[in-house]
Amino acid sequence: MRNIVILGGGFGGIYTAMYLEKYLSKAQMKEYKIILINRENYFVYQPMLAEVVGGSVGILDTVSSIRKLLPKTALYIREIEKIDTDNKVINLAPRFSHTTDVVPYDKLVVGLGNVTDFHGMAGLHEHALPFKNLADALNIRNRIIDTIEQASIETDPIERKQLLTFVVGGGGFSGTEVVAELNDFVRKLAKKYKTIDKREIRVVLVHSKDRLMEKELSESLGIYAEKLLKKRGVEIIFNTHLLSASQQEALLDNGDHIPAKTIISTVPSSPNPLIKDLNLELSHGRVVTDMGMQAIDKTDVWAIGDCALIPQEEGGFCPPTAQFAIREAKVLAQNVIARIENKASKNFKFKALGMLGALGHHSAVAELFGKIKFSGILAWIFWRAIYWIKLPGIDRKIKVAFSWMLDMLIPQEAVQLKIEPSQGIASLHFEKDEVIFHQGDVGDYLYIITEGSVEVLREQECGCKRVATLSKGEYFGEMALVHQKTRSATIKCLESTNVLALKKSDFGLLVANFSELRESFEKTSENRKNVVNE
């Protein structure tokens, strides 16, 4: 059986799979298997993420089960390690073992979208909260609740001022929507605390342009959004960049410092780093395609959505929006089938219907066909209706409709749902004779022994040979990480052993910032390599 592999579970990937399930004939479904590879088993409806921050919509209102949406598609919940277009395989990162899985493909659809990138922005990576996915929205909501709770009992005036100040960088669609929801949520939440005066609350939006949503909406609607947010207490600083951040303040490029504990950055996203290593024609980190979304000079690879540079008939390229991705998916699915049937492909043609932006507190702005403009509660009702219609799956539509009706009668409570990130260093325990990893496994961790001892075994033609023993205070696993290769030996416990495990990504960050430490690891690795090869 041949594989049609789709990378990414965003609008482009999900809807491409939907249309393939719909258009592939029964005979073709027996010959071809649709595979979707995604980090999660759910699809997130991105346009509603800002409302998750303020609690205007519930968390489950924004997600749908991919398995339910795509009953005929095989779903792989994995991280992608490498895309090899020369050998037509996808390498998946280890999950519950130290071995990687390889998924071959006959047809490939790349829909990996964008990622948050704080490259070159000192302090933002460490101290600013990104706003890109569901976890980001939950983290922002949790931070707001945390700071309000702490401010209600804080007696130090400087600390209290920092806790009650919220800074958002970026006045595009994402930044404007999230600052509107944040402002409503903070001020509504503060009313429940007698010790907090609403005049102490400061919400600041920093934008590099001279008006809000200047790329998405007309000047009149941008000015309307500005006036509405200012009326509700949001400070807006135009023609200024959020330059850096620390635990205590936000630094602007005009030299101003804003004391704040909560700093949110909606900086423009960057293409997924997996894209840059593809053997495809790229431009600004995106896959260059023809009007049928086929990658240049590749008859078996297509790209869609944010990671694709798809030319338009009237000039320019398709914008990275949901309304385009959904319609691109339909044409792309038809072109994949046309390739299977040796038929001519179709060009993608579509003109934007308009843009909608929520401004919190039952208000929004809308612009349709570049001519019809309206705002306020009417635009908010229209915004809700349009996105409700676009929600995938009839059961999801019904659940969300009832949820919204109940929320109008019984508002959501300001409770936290903390999703703690996985720890960088994990403490692991192994029993005697247990193998920590095998020779040939993927190098994914550096291990430091805290208790016990292990033996290093090298597999040879005559069997396994012990080449070293390691005990408390010593480390192993660095050879595969330093040289970017698979494990060169097997590690087996000689007794009950405890280790600290440092992830590959954290190890890379460590040695990248400390050259002497990297040199030490490389020296140890070279010495051990010589011992292993003896």
Foldseek 3Di string as FASTA:
>chain_A
DAEEEEEEQELQRLLLLLLLVVPQDPVRLVVYAYEYEEQDQKYFQPQCLLCCLLQLFPLVLGIDGSCVSRVRHHYHNFAWDAQAPVQQWTWTCDDPALAIDIHHHQFYEYEHAFDADCPPQAACVPQAQEDDDNQSSQVNSVLLVVLLVCLLPDDPPLSNLQSQEAEEEAQAQVRQSNLLSSLVRNLVVNVVRPSDDSVSHAYEYEHQADWGNVVADDPVVRVVSVVVVVVSHYHYHYNKGQRHDDCFWTAIPVGDTGGHRHYYYHPDTAHDPNQVPYPFDDDSQAFEDEQLQAGPPDLRYGYAANRHFHAAPVGGGDDRDSVQSSQSSNQNSVQNVCSVVVHDGDGDYDDDQWDKHDNDPQKIWIDGPNPDTDIGNVSSVVVVVVVLVVDPDPVSSVVRVVSSVVCVVPPDDSDRDDDDDDDQKDKDKDFAFDWPHAFQGQLWKKKAWQAAKKWWWAQDPVGIDTLDMDGHGDIDSLLCLLVVGTHRTIIGGRGITMIIIGTSVRVVVVCVVPVVVSVVSVVVSVVVVVSSVD
